[in-house]
Amino acid sequence: MDPQNPNPDPLTTPSVDDHVRDIAEVPAVEIITTAAVHLMSAAAVKCGLAEGPDAEDLKDLDEARRLINALAGLVTAAAPDIGSQHAAPLRDGLKSLQLAFREASIFPDAPGQGPGEKLTGSVV
Protein backbone atom coordinates (compact mmCIF):
# COMPACT_ATOMS: atom_id res chain seq x y z
CA MET A 1 0.00 0.00 0.00
CA ASP A 2 1.31 3.41 -0.99
CA PRO A 3 1.23 5.83 1.98
CA GLN A 4 0.97 8.74 -0.46
CA ASN A 5 -2.17 7.29 -2.02
CA PRO A 6 -4.18 5.17 0.46
CA ASN A 7 -6.94 4.57 -2.14
CA PRO A 8 -5.17 3.59 -5.35
CA ASP A 9 -7.12 3.44 -8.58
CA PRO A 10 -7.45 -0.26 -9.45
CA LEU A 11 -7.47 0.64 -13.14
CA THR A 12 -4.00 2.24 -13.01
CA THR A 13 -2.35 0.18 -10.26
CA PRO A 14 -0.42 -2.82 -11.61
CA SER A 15 -1.81 -6.08 -10.32
CA VAL A 16 0.13 -9.18 -9.34
CA ASP A 17 -1.02 -10.70 -12.62
CA ASP A 18 0.56 -7.77 -14.50
CA HIS A 19 3.88 -8.36 -12.73
CA VAL A 20 3.73 -12.10 -13.39
CA ARG A 21 2.98 -11.44 -17.05
CA ASP A 22 5.90 -8.97 -17.23
CA ILE A 23 8.40 -11.41 -15.71
CA ALA A 24 7.12 -14.19 -17.97
CA GLU A 25 8.24 -12.15 -20.96
CA VAL A 26 11.84 -11.82 -19.72
CA PRO A 27 14.21 -14.47 -21.10
CA ALA A 28 15.93 -16.69 -18.52
CA VAL A 29 19.38 -15.56 -19.68
CA GLU A 30 18.48 -11.96 -18.82
CA ILE A 31 17.26 -12.89 -15.34
CA ILE A 32 20.39 -14.98 -14.69
CA THR A 33 22.80 -12.29 -15.90
CA THR A 34 20.94 -9.60 -13.94
CA ALA A 35 21.23 -11.66 -10.75
CA ALA A 36 24.94 -12.20 -11.46
CA VAL A 37 25.51 -8.47 -11.99
CA HIS A 38 23.81 -7.70 -8.67
CA LEU A 39 26.05 -10.23 -6.90
CA MET A 40 29.12 -8.77 -8.64
CA SER A 41 28.24 -5.23 -7.68
CA ALA A 42 27.63 -6.12 -4.05
CA ALA A 43 30.84 -8.19 -3.88
CA ALA A 44 32.86 -5.34 -5.39
CA VAL A 45 31.62 -2.95 -2.72
CA LYS A 46 32.32 -5.49 0.03
CA CYS A 47 35.87 -5.99 -1.37
CA GLY A 48 36.46 -2.26 -0.91
CA LEU A 49 36.21 -1.37 -4.60
CA ALA A 50 33.47 1.22 -4.17
CA GLU A 51 34.27 4.78 -5.14
CA GLY A 52 34.29 7.55 -2.63
CA PRO A 53 35.83 8.38 0.70
CA ASP A 54 33.85 5.72 2.59
CA ALA A 55 34.93 2.78 0.38
CA GLU A 56 37.14 1.37 3.14
CA ASP A 57 34.27 1.64 5.63
CA LEU A 58 32.06 -0.42 3.31
CA LYS A 59 34.62 -3.22 3.00
CA ASP A 60 33.51 -6.48 4.61
CA LEU A 61 35.49 -9.47 3.38
CA ASP A 62 33.32 -12.01 5.21
CA GLU A 63 30.30 -10.74 3.28
CA ALA A 64 32.35 -10.52 0.07
CA ARG A 65 33.33 -14.19 0.43
CA ARG A 66 29.67 -15.22 0.64
CA LEU A 67 28.71 -13.13 -2.37
CA ILE A 68 31.62 -14.42 -4.46
CA ASN A 69 30.79 -18.02 -3.51
CA ALA A 70 27.17 -17.46 -4.58
CA LEU A 71 28.29 -15.83 -7.82
CA ALA A 72 30.67 -18.71 -8.57
CA GLY A 73 27.86 -21.20 -8.02
CA LEU A 74 25.46 -19.29 -10.24
CA VAL A 75 27.95 -18.79 -13.05
CA THR A 76 29.17 -22.38 -12.93
CA ALA A 77 25.68 -23.85 -12.88
CA ALA A 78 24.22 -21.51 -15.50
CA ALA A 79 27.10 -21.45 -18.00
CA PRO A 80 25.93 -24.45 -20.06
CA ASP A 81 22.45 -22.96 -20.39
CA ILE A 82 23.29 -19.31 -21.08
CA GLY A 83 26.01 -19.90 -23.66
CA SER A 84 29.58 -18.72 -23.85
CA GLN A 85 28.73 -15.20 -25.09
CA HIS A 86 26.98 -14.56 -21.76
CA ALA A 87 29.04 -16.81 -19.50
CA ALA A 88 32.49 -15.53 -20.56
CA PRO A 89 32.02 -11.95 -19.29
CA LEU A 90 30.51 -13.29 -16.06
CA ARG A 91 33.51 -15.57 -15.58
CA ASP A 92 35.85 -12.63 -16.22
CA GLY A 93 34.04 -10.51 -13.66
CA LEU A 94 34.09 -13.36 -11.16
CA LYS A 95 37.83 -13.86 -11.62
CA SER A 96 38.44 -10.12 -11.15
CA LEU A 97 36.49 -10.21 -7.90
CA GLN A 98 38.37 -13.27 -6.70
CA LEU A 99 41.67 -11.50 -7.38
CA ALA A 100 40.43 -8.30 -5.70
CA PHE A 101 39.41 -10.35 -2.67
CA ARG A 102 42.87 -11.91 -2.51
CA GLU A 103 44.50 -8.46 -2.72
CA ALA A 104 42.22 -7.03 -0.03
CA SER A 105 42.91 -9.90 2.38
CA ILE A 106 45.52 -9.33 5.06
CA PHE A 107 46.16 -13.08 5.12
CA PRO A 108 45.22 -14.38 1.65
CA ASP A 109 43.74 -17.85 1.33
CA ALA A 110 45.91 -20.63 -0.04
CA PRO A 111 45.62 -21.07 -3.81
CA GLY A 112 42.40 -22.91 -4.58
CA GLN A 113 40.89 -22.04 -1.19
CA GLY A 114 39.64 -18.51 -1.93
CA PRO A 115 35.98 -17.69 -2.42
CA GLY A 116 34.46 -19.63 -5.28
CA GLU A 117 37.72 -21.36 -6.15
CA LYS A 118 36.34 -24.81 -5.31
CA LEU A 119 34.05 -24.25 -8.30
CA THR A 120 36.32 -22.26 -10.61
CA GLY A 121 39.78 -23.50 -9.75
CA SER A 122 42.63 -21.39 -8.44
CA VAL A 123 42.79 -17.83 -9.77
CA VAL A 124 46.38 -17.08 -8.76
C-alpha atoms as a PDB file:
ATOM      1  CA  MET A   1       0.000   0.000   0.000  1.00  0.00           C
ATOM      2  CA  ASP A   2       1.314   3.415  -0.994  1.00  0.00           C
ATOM      3  CA  PRO A   3       1.229   5.826   1.983  1.00  0.00           C
ATOM      4  CA  GLN A   4       0.967   8.735  -0.459  1.00  0.00           C
ATOM      5  CA  ASN A   5      -2.167   7.288  -2.024  1.00  0.00           C
ATOM      6  CA  PRO A   6      -4.177   5.172   0.457  1.00  0.00           C
ATOM      7  CA  ASN A   7      -6.938   4.571  -2.140  1.00  0.00           C
ATOM      8  CA  PRO A   8      -5.169   3.589  -5.348  1.00  0.00           C
ATOM      9  CA  ASP A   9      -7.123   3.440  -8.576  1.00  0.00           C
ATOM     10  CA  PRO A  10      -7.453  -0.258  -9.450  1.00  0.00           C
ATOM     11  CA  LEU A  11      -7.469   0.643 -13.140  1.00  0.00           C
ATOM     12  CA  THR A  12      -3.999   2.242 -13.005  1.00  0.00           C
ATOM     13  CA  THR A  13      -2.348   0.183 -10.255  1.00  0.00           C
ATOM     14  CA  PRO A  14      -0.420  -2.816 -11.612  1.00  0.00           C
ATOM     15  CA  SER A  15      -1.806  -6.078 -10.315  1.00  0.00           C
ATOM     16  CA  VAL A  16       0.130  -9.176  -9.335  1.00  0.00           C
ATOM     17  CA  ASP A  17      -1.023 -10.701 -12.623  1.00  0.00           C
ATOM     18  CA  ASP A  18       0.562  -7.775 -14.499  1.00  0.00           C
ATOM     19  CA  HIS A  19       3.881  -8.358 -12.730  1.00  0.00           C
ATOM     20  CA  VAL A  20       3.731 -12.099 -13.393  1.00  0.00           C
ATOM     21  CA  ARG A  21       2.979 -11.440 -17.051  1.00  0.00           C
ATOM     22  CA  ASP A  22       5.899  -8.968 -17.228  1.00  0.00           C
ATOM     23  CA  ILE A  23       8.398 -11.407 -15.712  1.00  0.00           C
ATOM     24  CA  ALA A  24       7.119 -14.193 -17.967  1.00  0.00           C
ATOM     25  CA  GLU A  25       8.244 -12.149 -20.963  1.00  0.00           C
ATOM     26  CA  VAL A  26      11.836 -11.824 -19.722  1.00  0.00           C
ATOM     27  CA  PRO A  27      14.213 -14.473 -21.104  1.00  0.00           C
ATOM     28  CA  ALA A  28      15.926 -16.687 -18.524  1.00  0.00           C
ATOM     29  CA  VAL A  29      19.379 -15.560 -19.683  1.00  0.00           C
ATOM     30  CA  GLU A  30      18.477 -11.958 -18.815  1.00  0.00           C
ATOM     31  CA  ILE A  31      17.265 -12.886 -15.339  1.00  0.00           C
ATOM     32  CA  ILE A  32      20.392 -14.976 -14.694  1.00  0.00           C
ATOM     33  CA  THR A  33      22.795 -12.289 -15.898  1.00  0.00           C
ATOM     34  CA  THR A  34      20.941  -9.600 -13.945  1.00  0.00           C
ATOM     35  CA  ALA A  35      21.228 -11.660 -10.753  1.00  0.00           C
ATOM     36  CA  ALA A  36      24.936 -12.196 -11.461  1.00  0.00           C
ATOM     37  CA  VAL A  37      25.515  -8.472 -11.989  1.00  0.00           C
ATOM     38  CA  HIS A  38      23.813  -7.701  -8.665  1.00  0.00           C
ATOM     39  CA  LEU A  39      26.053 -10.235  -6.902  1.00  0.00           C
ATOM     40  CA  MET A  40      29.120  -8.774  -8.637  1.00  0.00           C
ATOM     41  CA  SER A  41      28.239  -5.229  -7.680  1.00  0.00           C
ATOM     42  CA  ALA A  42      27.634  -6.121  -4.050  1.00  0.00           C
ATOM     43  CA  ALA A  43      30.838  -8.188  -3.885  1.00  0.00           C
ATOM     44  CA  ALA A  44      32.859  -5.337  -5.395  1.00  0.00           C
ATOM     45  CA  VAL A  45      31.617  -2.945  -2.715  1.00  0.00           C
ATOM     46  CA  LYS A  46      32.323  -5.495   0.028  1.00  0.00           C
ATOM     47  CA  CYS A  47      35.870  -5.986  -1.369  1.00  0.00           C
ATOM     48  CA  GLY A  48      36.462  -2.257  -0.912  1.00  0.00           C
ATOM     49  CA  LEU A  49      36.208  -1.365  -4.602  1.00  0.00           C
ATOM     50  CA  ALA A  50      33.472   1.220  -4.167  1.00  0.00           C
ATOM     51  CA  GLU A  51      34.271   4.778  -5.139  1.00  0.00           C
ATOM     52  CA  GLY A  52      34.291   7.550  -2.628  1.00  0.00           C
ATOM     53  CA  PRO A  53      35.831   8.382   0.698  1.00  0.00           C
ATOM     54  CA  ASP A  54      33.852   5.720   2.586  1.00  0.00           C
ATOM     55  CA  ALA A  55      34.934   2.776   0.380  1.00  0.00           C
ATOM     56  CA  GLU A  56      37.136   1.372   3.136  1.00  0.00           C
ATOM     57  CA  ASP A  57      34.265   1.637   5.630  1.00  0.00           C
ATOM     58  CA  LEU A  58      32.064  -0.423   3.313  1.00  0.00           C
ATOM     59  CA  LYS A  59      34.619  -3.221   3.004  1.00  0.00           C
ATOM     60  CA  ASP A  60      33.515  -6.481   4.612  1.00  0.00           C
ATOM     61  CA  LEU A  61      35.494  -9.474   3.381  1.00  0.00           C
ATOM     62  CA  ASP A  62      33.318 -12.009   5.208  1.00  0.00           C
ATOM     63  CA  GLU A  63      30.304 -10.742   3.283  1.00  0.00           C
ATOM     64  CA  ALA A  64      32.354 -10.524   0.072  1.00  0.00           C
ATOM     65  CA  ARG A  65      33.332 -14.189   0.433  1.00  0.00           C
ATOM     66  CA  ARG A  66      29.666 -15.216   0.645  1.00  0.00           C
ATOM     67  CA  LEU A  67      28.712 -13.129  -2.367  1.00  0.00           C
ATOM     68  CA  ILE A  68      31.618 -14.422  -4.460  1.00  0.00           C
ATOM     69  CA  ASN A  69      30.787 -18.020  -3.509  1.00  0.00           C
ATOM     70  CA  ALA A  70      27.172 -17.458  -4.578  1.00  0.00           C
ATOM     71  CA  LEU A  71      28.293 -15.828  -7.819  1.00  0.00           C
ATOM     72  CA  ALA A  72      30.670 -18.712  -8.573  1.00  0.00           C
ATOM     73  CA  GLY A  73      27.856 -21.202  -8.016  1.00  0.00           C
ATOM     74  CA  LEU A  74      25.457 -19.290 -10.239  1.00  0.00           C
ATOM     75  CA  VAL A  75      27.955 -18.786 -13.050  1.00  0.00           C
ATOM     76  CA  THR A  76      29.175 -22.383 -12.930  1.00  0.00           C
ATOM     77  CA  ALA A  77      25.675 -23.848 -12.880  1.00  0.00           C
ATOM     78  CA  ALA A  78      24.219 -21.510 -15.499  1.00  0.00           C
ATOM     79  CA  ALA A  79      27.097 -21.454 -18.002  1.00  0.00           C
ATOM     80  CA  PRO A  80      25.931 -24.445 -20.064  1.00  0.00           C
ATOM     81  CA  ASP A  81      22.452 -22.957 -20.392  1.00  0.00           C
ATOM     82  CA  ILE A  82      23.293 -19.306 -21.083  1.00  0.00           C
ATOM     83  CA  GLY A  83      26.006 -19.899 -23.664  1.00  0.00           C
ATOM     84  CA  SER A  84      29.577 -18.715 -23.855  1.00  0.00           C
ATOM     85  CA  GLN A  85      28.732 -15.200 -25.088  1.00  0.00           C
ATOM     86  CA  HIS A  86      26.977 -14.558 -21.765  1.00  0.00           C
ATOM     87  CA  ALA A  87      29.043 -16.809 -19.504  1.00  0.00           C
ATOM     88  CA  ALA A  88      32.486 -15.529 -20.564  1.00  0.00           C
ATOM     89  CA  PRO A  89      32.022 -11.953 -19.286  1.00  0.00           C
ATOM     90  CA  LEU A  90      30.506 -13.293 -16.061  1.00  0.00           C
ATOM     91  CA  ARG A  91      33.505 -15.570 -15.576  1.00  0.00           C
ATOM     92  CA  ASP A  92      35.852 -12.634 -16.224  1.00  0.00           C
ATOM     93  CA  GLY A  93      34.038 -10.509 -13.657  1.00  0.00           C
ATOM     94  CA  LEU A  94      34.086 -13.359 -11.160  1.00  0.00           C
ATOM     95  CA  LYS A  95      37.829 -13.859 -11.623  1.00  0.00           C
ATOM     96  CA  SER A  96      38.439 -10.119 -11.151  1.00  0.00           C
ATOM     97  CA  LEU A  97      36.485 -10.211  -7.896  1.00  0.00           C
ATOM     98  CA  GLN A  98      38.370 -13.274  -6.699  1.00  0.00           C
ATOM     99  CA  LEU A  99      41.670 -11.498  -7.375  1.00  0.00           C
ATOM    100  CA  ALA A 100      40.430  -8.305  -5.698  1.00  0.00           C
ATOM    101  CA  PHE A 101      39.406 -10.346  -2.668  1.00  0.00           C
ATOM    102  CA  ARG A 102      42.869 -11.912  -2.511  1.00  0.00           C
ATOM    103  CA  GLU A 103      44.502  -8.457  -2.719  1.00  0.00           C
ATOM    104  CA  ALA A 104      42.223  -7.028  -0.028  1.00  0.00           C
ATOM    105  CA  SER A 105      42.907  -9.896   2.380  1.00  0.00           C
ATOM    106  CA  ILE A 106      45.517  -9.333   5.063  1.00  0.00           C
ATOM    107  CA  PHE A 107      46.163 -13.084   5.121  1.00  0.00           C
ATOM    108  CA  PRO A 108      45.223 -14.376   1.652  1.00  0.00           C
ATOM    109  CA  ASP A 109      43.744 -17.852   1.327  1.00  0.00           C
ATOM    110  CA  ALA A 110      45.908 -20.630  -0.037  1.00  0.00           C
ATOM    111  CA  PRO A 111      45.625 -21.074  -3.811  1.00  0.00           C
ATOM    112  CA  GLY A 112      42.403 -22.909  -4.582  1.00  0.00           C
ATOM    113  CA  GLN A 113      40.895 -22.041  -1.189  1.00  0.00           C
ATOM    114  CA  GLY A 114      39.639 -18.509  -1.932  1.00  0.00           C
ATOM    115  CA  PRO A 115      35.980 -17.691  -2.421  1.00  0.00           C
ATOM    116  CA  GLY A 116      34.456 -19.633  -5.280  1.00  0.00           C
ATOM    117  CA  GLU A 117      37.724 -21.364  -6.146  1.00  0.00           C
ATOM    118  CA  LYS A 118      36.342 -24.806  -5.306  1.00  0.00           C
ATOM    119  CA  LEU A 119      34.047 -24.251  -8.299  1.00  0.00           C
ATOM    120  CA  THR A 120      36.317 -22.260 -10.614  1.00  0.00           C
ATOM    121  CA  GLY A 121      39.781 -23.505  -9.752  1.00  0.00           C
ATOM    122  CA  SER A 122      42.627 -21.391  -8.442  1.00  0.00           C
ATOM    123  CA  VAL A 123      42.795 -17.828  -9.771  1.00  0.00           C
ATOM    124  CA  VAL A 124      46.378 -17.083  -8.755  1.00  0.00           C
END
